[in-house]
N, C-alpha and C. Protein backbone atom coordinates (compact mmCIF):
# COMPACT_ATOMS: atom_id res chain seq x y z
N MET A 1 -317.73 -13.80 -6.93
CA MET A 1 -317.65 -12.48 -7.53
C MET A 1 -316.62 -12.45 -8.64
N GLU A 2 -316.94 -11.86 -9.74
CA GLU A 2 -316.06 -11.84 -10.91
C GLU A 2 -315.10 -10.66 -10.84
N ASP A 3 -313.82 -10.91 -11.20
CA ASP A 3 -312.83 -9.82 -11.22
C ASP A 3 -313.16 -8.84 -12.33
N LYS A 4 -313.02 -7.54 -12.00
CA LYS A 4 -313.27 -6.52 -13.01
C LYS A 4 -311.96 -6.03 -13.57
N ASN A 5 -311.92 -5.83 -14.86
CA ASN A 5 -310.76 -5.24 -15.52
C ASN A 5 -310.93 -3.73 -15.45
N ILE A 6 -309.97 -3.05 -14.81
CA ILE A 6 -310.09 -1.61 -14.60
C ILE A 6 -310.05 -0.81 -15.90
N LEU A 7 -309.65 -1.44 -17.00
CA LEU A 7 -309.56 -0.70 -18.27
C LEU A 7 -310.91 -0.16 -18.72
N GLY A 8 -311.98 -0.82 -18.37
CA GLY A 8 -313.29 -0.35 -18.79
C GLY A 8 -313.95 0.56 -17.78
N GLU A 9 -313.32 0.77 -16.62
CA GLU A 9 -313.96 1.50 -15.53
C GLU A 9 -313.22 2.80 -15.17
N GLU A 10 -311.91 2.77 -15.14
CA GLU A 10 -311.08 3.86 -14.61
C GLU A 10 -310.99 5.04 -15.58
N LYS A 11 -310.70 6.23 -15.04
CA LYS A 11 -310.51 7.41 -15.88
C LYS A 11 -309.19 7.29 -16.65
N ILE A 12 -309.16 7.90 -17.84
CA ILE A 12 -308.02 7.72 -18.74
C ILE A 12 -306.71 8.21 -18.13
N TYR A 13 -306.69 9.37 -17.49
CA TYR A 13 -305.42 9.87 -16.94
C TYR A 13 -304.89 8.95 -15.84
N ARG A 14 -305.80 8.34 -15.06
CA ARG A 14 -305.37 7.39 -14.03
C ARG A 14 -304.81 6.11 -14.67
N LEU A 15 -305.47 5.66 -15.73
CA LEU A 15 -304.99 4.48 -16.46
C LEU A 15 -303.60 4.72 -17.04
N LEU A 16 -303.39 5.92 -17.60
CA LEU A 16 -302.08 6.24 -18.16
C LEU A 16 -300.98 6.11 -17.12
N ILE A 17 -301.25 6.62 -15.93
CA ILE A 17 -300.26 6.53 -14.85
C ILE A 17 -300.09 5.09 -14.40
N LYS A 18 -301.22 4.40 -14.16
CA LYS A 18 -301.15 3.02 -13.66
C LYS A 18 -300.47 2.07 -14.64
N PHE A 19 -300.62 2.33 -15.93
CA PHE A 19 -300.07 1.41 -16.93
C PHE A 19 -298.71 1.85 -17.47
N SER A 20 -298.49 3.15 -17.61
CA SER A 20 -297.24 3.60 -18.22
C SER A 20 -296.06 3.48 -17.27
N LEU A 21 -296.25 3.81 -15.98
CA LEU A 21 -295.12 3.74 -15.05
C LEU A 21 -294.55 2.32 -14.92
N PRO A 22 -295.39 1.28 -14.67
CA PRO A 22 -294.82 -0.08 -14.64
C PRO A 22 -294.19 -0.50 -15.97
N ALA A 23 -294.79 -0.06 -17.08
CA ALA A 23 -294.23 -0.41 -18.40
C ALA A 23 -292.86 0.24 -18.59
N ILE A 24 -292.73 1.50 -18.18
CA ILE A 24 -291.44 2.21 -18.30
C ILE A 24 -290.39 1.53 -17.43
N VAL A 25 -290.76 1.22 -16.19
CA VAL A 25 -289.82 0.54 -15.28
C VAL A 25 -289.41 -0.81 -15.86
N GLY A 26 -290.40 -1.58 -16.31
CA GLY A 26 -290.11 -2.91 -16.87
C GLY A 26 -289.21 -2.86 -18.08
N MET A 27 -289.48 -1.95 -19.01
CA MET A 27 -288.66 -1.86 -20.23
C MET A 27 -287.26 -1.33 -19.93
N THR A 28 -287.16 -0.40 -18.97
CA THR A 28 -285.84 0.12 -18.57
C THR A 28 -285.01 -0.99 -17.96
N VAL A 29 -285.61 -1.74 -17.07
CA VAL A 29 -284.91 -2.86 -16.43
C VAL A 29 -284.53 -3.90 -17.48
N ASN A 30 -285.42 -4.14 -18.43
CA ASN A 30 -285.16 -5.11 -19.49
C ASN A 30 -283.94 -4.70 -20.32
N SER A 31 -283.77 -3.40 -20.52
CA SER A 31 -282.63 -2.94 -21.31
C SER A 31 -281.32 -3.08 -20.54
N LEU A 32 -281.40 -3.32 -19.23
CA LEU A 32 -280.20 -3.47 -18.41
C LEU A 32 -279.48 -4.80 -18.63
N TYR A 33 -280.16 -5.79 -19.22
CA TYR A 33 -279.51 -7.09 -19.45
C TYR A 33 -278.16 -6.91 -20.12
N ASN A 34 -278.17 -6.21 -21.24
CA ASN A 34 -276.95 -6.03 -22.02
C ASN A 34 -275.94 -5.17 -21.28
N VAL A 35 -276.41 -4.13 -20.58
CA VAL A 35 -275.52 -3.23 -19.84
C VAL A 35 -274.82 -4.00 -18.72
N VAL A 36 -275.59 -4.79 -17.98
CA VAL A 36 -275.02 -5.57 -16.86
C VAL A 36 -274.00 -6.58 -17.39
N ASP A 37 -274.34 -7.26 -18.49
CA ASP A 37 -273.39 -8.21 -19.09
C ASP A 37 -272.10 -7.49 -19.49
N ARG A 38 -272.22 -6.30 -20.05
CA ARG A 38 -271.04 -5.51 -20.46
C ARG A 38 -270.16 -5.18 -19.26
N ILE A 39 -270.78 -4.79 -18.15
CA ILE A 39 -270.01 -4.41 -16.95
C ILE A 39 -269.17 -5.59 -16.48
N PHE A 40 -269.80 -6.77 -16.37
CA PHE A 40 -269.07 -7.93 -15.85
C PHE A 40 -268.06 -8.47 -16.87
N ILE A 41 -268.44 -8.48 -18.15
CA ILE A 41 -267.50 -8.95 -19.18
C ILE A 41 -266.29 -8.02 -19.27
N GLY A 42 -266.54 -6.70 -19.23
CA GLY A 42 -265.46 -5.72 -19.30
C GLY A 42 -264.49 -5.82 -18.14
N ASN A 43 -264.96 -6.27 -16.99
CA ASN A 43 -264.10 -6.40 -15.81
C ASN A 43 -263.49 -7.79 -15.65
N SER A 44 -263.80 -8.68 -16.58
CA SER A 44 -263.22 -10.02 -16.53
C SER A 44 -261.87 -10.05 -17.24
N PRO A 45 -260.81 -10.46 -16.55
CA PRO A 45 -259.50 -10.52 -17.21
C PRO A 45 -259.45 -11.55 -18.34
N ASP A 46 -260.34 -12.56 -18.28
CA ASP A 46 -260.37 -13.59 -19.31
C ASP A 46 -261.03 -13.11 -20.61
N LEU A 47 -261.89 -12.11 -20.52
CA LEU A 47 -262.69 -11.70 -21.67
C LEU A 47 -262.28 -10.34 -22.23
N GLY A 48 -262.28 -9.32 -21.39
CA GLY A 48 -261.81 -8.00 -21.76
C GLY A 48 -262.41 -7.42 -23.03
N MET A 49 -261.51 -6.86 -23.87
CA MET A 49 -261.95 -6.15 -25.09
C MET A 49 -262.65 -7.06 -26.08
N ASN A 50 -262.13 -8.26 -26.30
CA ASN A 50 -262.77 -9.18 -27.24
C ASN A 50 -264.16 -9.60 -26.76
N GLY A 51 -264.31 -9.78 -25.46
CA GLY A 51 -265.62 -10.11 -24.90
C GLY A 51 -266.62 -8.97 -25.10
N LEU A 52 -266.15 -7.74 -24.86
CA LEU A 52 -267.01 -6.58 -25.08
C LEU A 52 -267.40 -6.44 -26.55
N ALA A 53 -266.42 -6.69 -27.43
CA ALA A 53 -266.72 -6.65 -28.87
C ALA A 53 -267.73 -7.73 -29.24
N GLY A 54 -267.58 -8.91 -28.64
CA GLY A 54 -268.51 -10.02 -28.92
C GLY A 54 -269.93 -9.71 -28.52
N ILE A 55 -270.10 -9.08 -27.36
CA ILE A 55 -271.45 -8.74 -26.91
C ILE A 55 -272.02 -7.59 -27.74
N THR A 56 -271.16 -6.70 -28.20
CA THR A 56 -271.61 -5.59 -29.06
C THR A 56 -272.12 -6.13 -30.39
N ILE A 57 -271.42 -7.11 -30.94
CA ILE A 57 -271.84 -7.75 -32.20
C ILE A 57 -273.18 -8.45 -31.99
N SER A 58 -273.38 -9.01 -30.80
CA SER A 58 -274.60 -9.78 -30.50
C SER A 58 -275.82 -8.91 -30.27
N PHE A 59 -275.60 -7.65 -29.91
CA PHE A 59 -276.71 -6.79 -29.51
C PHE A 59 -277.81 -6.64 -30.57
N PRO A 60 -277.48 -6.40 -31.84
CA PRO A 60 -278.56 -6.29 -32.83
C PRO A 60 -279.42 -7.56 -32.94
N ILE A 61 -278.80 -8.71 -32.77
CA ILE A 61 -279.54 -9.97 -32.84
C ILE A 61 -280.46 -10.09 -31.62
N MET A 62 -280.00 -9.64 -30.48
CA MET A 62 -280.84 -9.64 -29.28
C MET A 62 -282.03 -8.69 -29.46
N ILE A 63 -281.80 -7.57 -30.13
CA ILE A 63 -282.88 -6.62 -30.39
C ILE A 63 -283.91 -7.25 -31.34
N ILE A 64 -283.45 -8.00 -32.32
CA ILE A 64 -284.37 -8.69 -33.25
C ILE A 64 -285.21 -9.70 -32.48
N ILE A 65 -284.59 -10.44 -31.56
CA ILE A 65 -285.32 -11.42 -30.74
C ILE A 65 -286.40 -10.71 -29.92
N MET A 66 -286.05 -9.58 -29.28
CA MET A 66 -287.03 -8.82 -28.51
C MET A 66 -288.14 -8.29 -29.41
N ALA A 67 -287.77 -7.83 -30.60
CA ALA A 67 -288.74 -7.24 -31.53
C ALA A 67 -289.78 -8.26 -31.96
N VAL A 68 -289.37 -9.51 -32.15
CA VAL A 68 -290.32 -10.56 -32.54
C VAL A 68 -291.36 -10.77 -31.43
N GLY A 69 -290.90 -10.81 -30.19
CA GLY A 69 -291.82 -10.94 -29.06
C GLY A 69 -292.78 -9.77 -28.96
N ILE A 70 -292.25 -8.57 -29.16
CA ILE A 70 -293.09 -7.36 -29.09
C ILE A 70 -294.07 -7.33 -30.26
N LEU A 71 -293.63 -7.76 -31.43
CA LEU A 71 -294.48 -7.78 -32.63
C LEU A 71 -295.79 -8.54 -32.36
N PHE A 72 -295.66 -9.79 -31.94
CA PHE A 72 -296.85 -10.61 -31.70
C PHE A 72 -297.57 -10.18 -30.42
N GLY A 73 -296.80 -9.72 -29.42
CA GLY A 73 -297.39 -9.31 -28.16
C GLY A 73 -298.27 -8.08 -28.28
N VAL A 74 -297.77 -7.05 -28.95
CA VAL A 74 -298.54 -5.81 -29.08
C VAL A 74 -299.76 -6.03 -29.99
N GLY A 75 -299.55 -6.70 -31.11
CA GLY A 75 -300.67 -6.98 -32.01
C GLY A 75 -301.73 -7.85 -31.35
N GLY A 76 -301.28 -8.88 -30.65
CA GLY A 76 -302.21 -9.77 -29.97
C GLY A 76 -302.92 -9.09 -28.81
N ALA A 77 -302.17 -8.26 -28.06
CA ALA A 77 -302.75 -7.56 -26.91
C ALA A 77 -303.85 -6.59 -27.37
N THR A 78 -303.67 -5.98 -28.53
CA THR A 78 -304.68 -5.06 -29.05
C THR A 78 -305.98 -5.80 -29.33
N ARG A 79 -305.87 -6.91 -30.04
CA ARG A 79 -307.07 -7.71 -30.34
C ARG A 79 -307.68 -8.29 -29.06
N PHE A 80 -306.81 -8.76 -28.17
CA PHE A 80 -307.24 -9.31 -26.88
C PHE A 80 -308.05 -8.27 -26.10
N ALA A 81 -307.54 -7.03 -26.03
CA ALA A 81 -308.22 -5.96 -25.30
C ALA A 81 -309.55 -5.59 -25.95
N ILE A 82 -309.58 -5.57 -27.28
CA ILE A 82 -310.83 -5.26 -27.99
C ILE A 82 -311.89 -6.31 -27.66
N LYS A 83 -311.50 -7.57 -27.71
CA LYS A 83 -312.46 -8.65 -27.43
C LYS A 83 -312.92 -8.63 -25.97
N LEU A 84 -312.01 -8.32 -25.06
CA LEU A 84 -312.42 -8.20 -23.65
C LEU A 84 -313.39 -7.03 -23.48
N GLY A 85 -313.08 -5.92 -24.16
CA GLY A 85 -313.95 -4.75 -24.10
C GLY A 85 -315.34 -5.03 -24.63
N GLU A 86 -315.42 -5.90 -25.63
CA GLU A 86 -316.72 -6.30 -26.19
C GLU A 86 -317.44 -7.31 -25.29
N GLY A 87 -316.73 -7.81 -24.28
CA GLY A 87 -317.31 -8.82 -23.41
C GLY A 87 -317.24 -10.22 -24.00
N ASN A 88 -316.44 -10.38 -25.05
CA ASN A 88 -316.32 -11.66 -25.75
C ASN A 88 -315.09 -12.41 -25.23
N LYS A 89 -315.23 -13.06 -24.07
CA LYS A 89 -314.10 -13.74 -23.43
C LYS A 89 -313.60 -14.93 -24.24
N GLU A 90 -314.50 -15.59 -24.94
CA GLU A 90 -314.11 -16.75 -25.75
C GLU A 90 -313.14 -16.34 -26.85
N GLU A 91 -313.45 -15.24 -27.55
CA GLU A 91 -312.56 -14.74 -28.61
C GLU A 91 -311.25 -14.22 -28.03
N ALA A 92 -311.33 -13.61 -26.84
CA ALA A 92 -310.11 -13.13 -26.17
C ALA A 92 -309.19 -14.31 -25.85
N GLU A 93 -309.77 -15.40 -25.37
CA GLU A 93 -308.97 -16.60 -25.07
C GLU A 93 -308.38 -17.21 -26.34
N LYS A 94 -309.15 -17.19 -27.44
CA LYS A 94 -308.62 -17.69 -28.71
C LYS A 94 -307.44 -16.84 -29.18
N THR A 95 -307.57 -15.53 -28.99
CA THR A 95 -306.48 -14.61 -29.36
C THR A 95 -305.24 -14.92 -28.54
N LEU A 96 -305.42 -15.13 -27.25
CA LEU A 96 -304.29 -15.49 -26.37
C LEU A 96 -303.63 -16.78 -26.86
N GLY A 97 -304.42 -17.77 -27.21
CA GLY A 97 -303.88 -19.03 -27.73
C GLY A 97 -303.11 -18.84 -29.02
N SER A 98 -303.65 -18.01 -29.91
CA SER A 98 -302.97 -17.74 -31.19
C SER A 98 -301.65 -17.02 -30.98
N VAL A 99 -301.67 -16.03 -30.07
CA VAL A 99 -300.44 -15.27 -29.77
C VAL A 99 -299.39 -16.21 -29.21
N PHE A 100 -299.78 -17.05 -28.26
CA PHE A 100 -298.84 -17.98 -27.64
C PHE A 100 -298.25 -18.93 -28.69
N THR A 101 -299.09 -19.44 -29.56
CA THR A 101 -298.63 -20.35 -30.63
C THR A 101 -297.62 -19.64 -31.55
N MET A 102 -297.95 -18.41 -31.95
CA MET A 102 -297.05 -17.66 -32.83
C MET A 102 -295.72 -17.34 -32.15
N LEU A 103 -295.77 -17.04 -30.86
CA LEU A 103 -294.54 -16.78 -30.11
C LEU A 103 -293.64 -18.01 -30.08
N ILE A 104 -294.24 -19.18 -29.84
CA ILE A 104 -293.47 -20.43 -29.81
C ILE A 104 -292.89 -20.74 -31.19
N ILE A 105 -293.72 -20.68 -32.22
CA ILE A 105 -293.27 -21.00 -33.58
C ILE A 105 -292.16 -20.06 -34.01
N SER A 106 -292.35 -18.75 -33.81
CA SER A 106 -291.34 -17.78 -34.25
C SER A 106 -290.04 -17.95 -33.50
N SER A 107 -290.10 -18.29 -32.20
CA SER A 107 -288.87 -18.47 -31.44
C SER A 107 -288.11 -19.71 -31.89
N VAL A 108 -288.84 -20.77 -32.20
CA VAL A 108 -288.19 -22.00 -32.69
C VAL A 108 -287.53 -21.75 -34.05
N VAL A 109 -288.25 -21.07 -34.94
CA VAL A 109 -287.70 -20.76 -36.27
C VAL A 109 -286.47 -19.86 -36.14
N LEU A 110 -286.56 -18.82 -35.29
CA LEU A 110 -285.44 -17.91 -35.09
C LEU A 110 -284.23 -18.64 -34.52
N THR A 111 -284.46 -19.53 -33.58
CA THR A 111 -283.37 -20.30 -32.97
C THR A 111 -282.68 -21.19 -34.00
N ILE A 112 -283.48 -21.92 -34.77
CA ILE A 112 -282.92 -22.84 -35.78
C ILE A 112 -282.11 -22.06 -36.83
N LEU A 113 -282.69 -20.99 -37.36
CA LEU A 113 -282.00 -20.18 -38.37
C LEU A 113 -280.75 -19.52 -37.79
N GLY A 114 -280.89 -18.98 -36.58
CA GLY A 114 -279.75 -18.32 -35.95
C GLY A 114 -278.58 -19.25 -35.71
N LEU A 115 -278.87 -20.45 -35.21
CA LEU A 115 -277.80 -21.42 -34.95
C LEU A 115 -277.21 -21.97 -36.24
N ALA A 116 -278.06 -22.14 -37.26
CA ALA A 116 -277.59 -22.68 -38.55
C ALA A 116 -276.65 -21.70 -39.25
N PHE A 117 -276.91 -20.41 -39.11
CA PHE A 117 -276.11 -19.40 -39.81
C PHE A 117 -275.35 -18.50 -38.85
N LEU A 118 -274.97 -19.03 -37.70
CA LEU A 118 -274.37 -18.21 -36.65
C LEU A 118 -273.07 -17.53 -37.07
N LYS A 119 -272.15 -18.30 -37.65
CA LYS A 119 -270.85 -17.72 -38.01
C LYS A 119 -270.99 -16.64 -39.08
N PRO A 120 -271.70 -16.91 -40.20
CA PRO A 120 -271.86 -15.84 -41.18
C PRO A 120 -272.61 -14.63 -40.61
N LEU A 121 -273.53 -14.89 -39.69
CA LEU A 121 -274.32 -13.82 -39.08
C LEU A 121 -273.44 -12.86 -38.28
N VAL A 122 -272.57 -13.41 -37.43
CA VAL A 122 -271.70 -12.52 -36.63
C VAL A 122 -270.70 -11.79 -37.52
N ARG A 123 -270.30 -12.41 -38.62
CA ARG A 123 -269.40 -11.73 -39.56
C ARG A 123 -270.12 -10.57 -40.26
N VAL A 124 -271.38 -10.80 -40.64
CA VAL A 124 -272.17 -9.73 -41.28
C VAL A 124 -272.29 -8.53 -40.34
N PHE A 125 -272.41 -8.79 -39.04
CA PHE A 125 -272.53 -7.70 -38.08
C PHE A 125 -271.18 -7.11 -37.68
N GLY A 126 -270.10 -7.57 -38.33
CA GLY A 126 -268.80 -6.91 -38.19
C GLY A 126 -267.79 -7.56 -37.28
N ALA A 127 -267.96 -8.83 -36.93
CA ALA A 127 -267.00 -9.49 -36.04
C ALA A 127 -265.70 -9.81 -36.79
N SER A 128 -264.58 -9.46 -36.17
CA SER A 128 -263.26 -9.83 -36.72
C SER A 128 -262.98 -11.27 -36.33
N GLU A 129 -261.90 -11.83 -36.87
CA GLU A 129 -261.55 -13.23 -36.58
C GLU A 129 -261.35 -13.46 -35.08
N GLU A 130 -260.77 -12.47 -34.38
CA GLU A 130 -260.52 -12.63 -32.94
C GLU A 130 -261.83 -12.61 -32.14
N VAL A 131 -262.80 -11.85 -32.65
CA VAL A 131 -264.05 -11.64 -31.91
C VAL A 131 -265.09 -12.73 -32.21
N VAL A 132 -264.99 -13.38 -33.38
CA VAL A 132 -265.98 -14.38 -33.80
C VAL A 132 -266.26 -15.42 -32.72
N PRO A 133 -265.24 -16.06 -32.10
CA PRO A 133 -265.54 -17.08 -31.09
C PRO A 133 -266.29 -16.52 -29.87
N TYR A 134 -265.98 -15.29 -29.48
CA TYR A 134 -266.65 -14.67 -28.33
C TYR A 134 -268.12 -14.40 -28.63
N ALA A 135 -268.36 -13.83 -29.81
CA ALA A 135 -269.74 -13.52 -30.21
C ALA A 135 -270.56 -14.80 -30.39
N MET A 136 -269.94 -15.82 -30.99
CA MET A 136 -270.65 -17.08 -31.21
C MET A 136 -270.99 -17.78 -29.90
N GLU A 137 -270.04 -17.79 -28.97
CA GLU A 137 -270.29 -18.44 -27.68
C GLU A 137 -271.43 -17.75 -26.94
N TYR A 138 -271.45 -16.43 -26.97
CA TYR A 138 -272.51 -15.66 -26.31
C TYR A 138 -273.85 -15.88 -27.01
N LEU A 139 -273.85 -15.79 -28.33
CA LEU A 139 -275.10 -15.88 -29.09
C LEU A 139 -275.71 -17.27 -29.09
N GLU A 140 -274.89 -18.31 -29.00
CA GLU A 140 -275.45 -19.67 -28.93
C GLU A 140 -276.40 -19.80 -27.76
N VAL A 141 -275.98 -19.31 -26.60
CA VAL A 141 -276.82 -19.40 -25.40
C VAL A 141 -278.04 -18.50 -25.55
N ILE A 142 -277.83 -17.28 -26.07
CA ILE A 142 -278.94 -16.33 -26.25
C ILE A 142 -279.99 -16.94 -27.19
N LEU A 143 -279.55 -17.54 -28.28
CA LEU A 143 -280.48 -18.13 -29.24
C LEU A 143 -281.21 -19.34 -28.65
N LEU A 144 -280.50 -20.16 -27.90
CA LEU A 144 -281.15 -21.32 -27.27
C LEU A 144 -282.18 -20.89 -26.22
N GLY A 145 -281.95 -19.74 -25.60
CA GLY A 145 -282.90 -19.23 -24.62
C GLY A 145 -283.90 -18.24 -25.19
N SER A 146 -283.86 -18.04 -26.51
CA SER A 146 -284.74 -17.03 -27.12
C SER A 146 -286.22 -17.35 -26.94
N ILE A 147 -286.56 -18.63 -26.81
CA ILE A 147 -287.96 -19.00 -26.61
C ILE A 147 -288.51 -18.33 -25.34
N PHE A 148 -287.70 -18.29 -24.29
CA PHE A 148 -288.14 -17.67 -23.04
C PHE A 148 -288.26 -16.16 -23.18
N LYS A 149 -287.30 -15.56 -23.87
CA LYS A 149 -287.32 -14.11 -24.08
C LYS A 149 -288.51 -13.69 -24.93
N ILE A 150 -288.71 -14.39 -26.03
CA ILE A 150 -289.80 -14.03 -26.96
C ILE A 150 -291.16 -14.24 -26.31
N VAL A 151 -291.34 -15.37 -25.65
CA VAL A 151 -292.63 -15.65 -25.00
C VAL A 151 -292.90 -14.65 -23.88
N SER A 152 -291.88 -14.35 -23.06
CA SER A 152 -292.10 -13.41 -21.96
C SER A 152 -292.39 -12.00 -22.47
N MET A 153 -291.68 -11.56 -23.52
CA MET A 153 -291.93 -10.23 -24.09
C MET A 153 -293.35 -10.16 -24.65
N GLY A 154 -293.76 -11.20 -25.35
CA GLY A 154 -295.09 -11.21 -25.96
C GLY A 154 -296.21 -11.27 -24.94
N LEU A 155 -296.07 -12.17 -23.97
CA LEU A 155 -297.14 -12.35 -22.99
C LEU A 155 -297.24 -11.20 -21.99
N ASN A 156 -296.14 -10.46 -21.81
CA ASN A 156 -296.19 -9.28 -20.96
C ASN A 156 -297.21 -8.28 -21.46
N ASN A 157 -297.31 -8.15 -22.78
CA ASN A 157 -298.30 -7.24 -23.36
C ASN A 157 -299.73 -7.71 -23.10
N ILE A 158 -299.92 -9.02 -23.17
CA ILE A 158 -301.24 -9.59 -22.88
C ILE A 158 -301.60 -9.38 -21.41
N ILE A 159 -300.63 -9.55 -20.52
CA ILE A 159 -300.86 -9.35 -19.09
C ILE A 159 -301.28 -7.91 -18.83
N ARG A 160 -300.61 -6.95 -19.49
CA ARG A 160 -301.00 -5.54 -19.35
C ARG A 160 -302.42 -5.32 -19.88
N ALA A 161 -302.74 -5.91 -21.03
CA ALA A 161 -304.07 -5.74 -21.62
C ALA A 161 -305.16 -6.35 -20.75
N ASP A 162 -304.78 -7.30 -19.92
CA ASP A 162 -305.74 -7.94 -19.01
C ASP A 162 -305.92 -7.12 -17.73
N GLY A 163 -305.22 -5.98 -17.66
CA GLY A 163 -305.39 -5.08 -16.52
C GLY A 163 -304.44 -5.32 -15.37
N SER A 164 -303.27 -5.95 -15.64
CA SER A 164 -302.31 -6.25 -14.57
C SER A 164 -300.91 -5.74 -14.92
N PRO A 165 -300.71 -4.41 -15.03
CA PRO A 165 -299.41 -3.89 -15.44
C PRO A 165 -298.29 -4.18 -14.43
N LYS A 166 -298.64 -4.25 -13.14
CA LYS A 166 -297.61 -4.50 -12.13
C LYS A 166 -297.05 -5.92 -12.23
N ILE A 167 -297.91 -6.87 -12.54
CA ILE A 167 -297.45 -8.26 -12.70
C ILE A 167 -296.48 -8.33 -13.87
N ALA A 168 -296.80 -7.64 -14.97
CA ALA A 168 -295.90 -7.61 -16.14
C ALA A 168 -294.56 -7.01 -15.75
N MET A 169 -294.58 -5.95 -14.95
CA MET A 169 -293.34 -5.31 -14.51
C MET A 169 -292.54 -6.26 -13.62
N TYR A 170 -293.22 -6.94 -12.68
CA TYR A 170 -292.52 -7.85 -11.77
C TYR A 170 -291.84 -8.99 -12.51
N THR A 171 -292.49 -9.50 -13.58
CA THR A 171 -291.86 -10.60 -14.33
C THR A 171 -290.56 -10.13 -14.99
N MET A 172 -290.54 -8.88 -15.46
CA MET A 172 -289.31 -8.33 -16.05
C MET A 172 -288.25 -8.10 -14.98
N LEU A 173 -288.68 -7.61 -13.82
CA LEU A 173 -287.74 -7.36 -12.71
C LEU A 173 -287.09 -8.65 -12.23
N ILE A 174 -287.87 -9.72 -12.13
CA ILE A 174 -287.33 -11.00 -11.66
C ILE A 174 -286.20 -11.47 -12.58
N GLY A 175 -286.44 -11.40 -13.91
CA GLY A 175 -285.42 -11.82 -14.87
C GLY A 175 -284.16 -10.98 -14.78
N ALA A 176 -284.32 -9.66 -14.68
CA ALA A 176 -283.16 -8.76 -14.64
C ALA A 176 -282.36 -8.93 -13.35
N ILE A 177 -283.05 -9.07 -12.23
CA ILE A 177 -282.36 -9.25 -10.95
C ILE A 177 -281.62 -10.59 -10.93
N THR A 178 -282.25 -11.63 -11.48
CA THR A 178 -281.60 -12.94 -11.58
C THR A 178 -280.32 -12.83 -12.42
N ASN A 179 -280.38 -12.07 -13.53
CA ASN A 179 -279.22 -11.87 -14.38
C ASN A 179 -278.10 -11.16 -13.62
N ILE A 180 -278.44 -10.13 -12.84
CA ILE A 180 -277.44 -9.38 -12.06
C ILE A 180 -276.77 -10.28 -11.02
N ILE A 181 -277.54 -11.17 -10.40
CA ILE A 181 -276.99 -12.07 -9.38
C ILE A 181 -276.12 -13.16 -10.01
N LEU A 182 -276.61 -13.75 -11.12
CA LEU A 182 -275.90 -14.90 -11.70
C LEU A 182 -274.68 -14.52 -12.54
N ASP A 183 -274.67 -13.32 -13.13
CA ASP A 183 -273.52 -12.92 -13.97
C ASP A 183 -272.18 -13.05 -13.24
N PRO A 184 -271.99 -12.42 -12.08
CA PRO A 184 -270.68 -12.56 -11.42
C PRO A 184 -270.38 -13.98 -10.97
N ILE A 185 -271.43 -14.73 -10.61
CA ILE A 185 -271.21 -16.12 -10.18
C ILE A 185 -270.67 -16.95 -11.34
N PHE A 186 -271.31 -16.84 -12.52
CA PHE A 186 -270.89 -17.63 -13.68
C PHE A 186 -269.60 -17.11 -14.32
N ILE A 187 -269.43 -15.79 -14.38
CA ILE A 187 -268.25 -15.23 -15.06
C ILE A 187 -267.01 -15.33 -14.18
N PHE A 188 -267.13 -14.91 -12.91
CA PHE A 188 -265.95 -14.89 -12.03
C PHE A 188 -265.83 -16.15 -11.18
N GLY A 189 -266.97 -16.62 -10.64
CA GLY A 189 -266.93 -17.81 -9.77
C GLY A 189 -266.61 -19.08 -10.53
N PHE A 190 -267.42 -19.40 -11.54
CA PHE A 190 -267.23 -20.63 -12.30
C PHE A 190 -266.35 -20.44 -13.53
N ARG A 191 -265.95 -19.19 -13.80
CA ARG A 191 -265.09 -18.84 -14.95
C ARG A 191 -265.65 -19.43 -16.26
N MET A 192 -266.91 -19.18 -16.48
CA MET A 192 -267.58 -19.73 -17.67
C MET A 192 -267.55 -18.77 -18.87
N GLY A 193 -266.90 -17.63 -18.71
CA GLY A 193 -266.69 -16.72 -19.83
C GLY A 193 -267.98 -16.18 -20.44
N MET A 194 -268.01 -16.11 -21.78
CA MET A 194 -269.15 -15.57 -22.50
C MET A 194 -270.38 -16.45 -22.31
N PHE A 195 -270.16 -17.74 -22.21
CA PHE A 195 -271.25 -18.69 -21.96
C PHE A 195 -271.94 -18.33 -20.65
N GLY A 196 -271.16 -18.06 -19.62
CA GLY A 196 -271.70 -17.70 -18.32
C GLY A 196 -272.42 -16.36 -18.34
N ALA A 197 -271.90 -15.41 -19.10
CA ALA A 197 -272.52 -14.09 -19.21
C ALA A 197 -273.90 -14.21 -19.88
N ALA A 198 -273.97 -15.04 -20.90
CA ALA A 198 -275.24 -15.21 -21.63
C ALA A 198 -276.24 -15.98 -20.80
């Protein structure tokens, strides 16, 4: 028996509830990454104000990383959903492949450019001399891990378009909960500072 995608069967108001609530929960939890890092960095005697300033400087770059994932994810999910709606699974799969390729390429390019111009970048965003090392240490890890962030943000949209909003929400929850658990271990337990927070 073939699985049915509820997008073509269910009433619109039910779809809105089934899809919007998990998306809202997932995006809210996703926004907690930076908040949770701030809480632990702010309470670390080793990091304090300079650590908080470093993460504040890093925030716009993190938003750009998320935006790249959403850019390809939302655009790809739209085409993916249209092709599924037409019953053209082959084109839907090609769209998925194209989205995945673009997510990988864009994350690699962003990582290379970000690491190559890291110091001038944090200065452009307003880092003082005291804050530059904190922002750079945090952003190095964020940029090296951007491939995971960009791919997960992009593919979450495809998962929703395939009729599985709860799975998309759970993938975001797993990452956020892991961050909440590991932050105090790396910052306070292993005393890894900004590196540990990132």
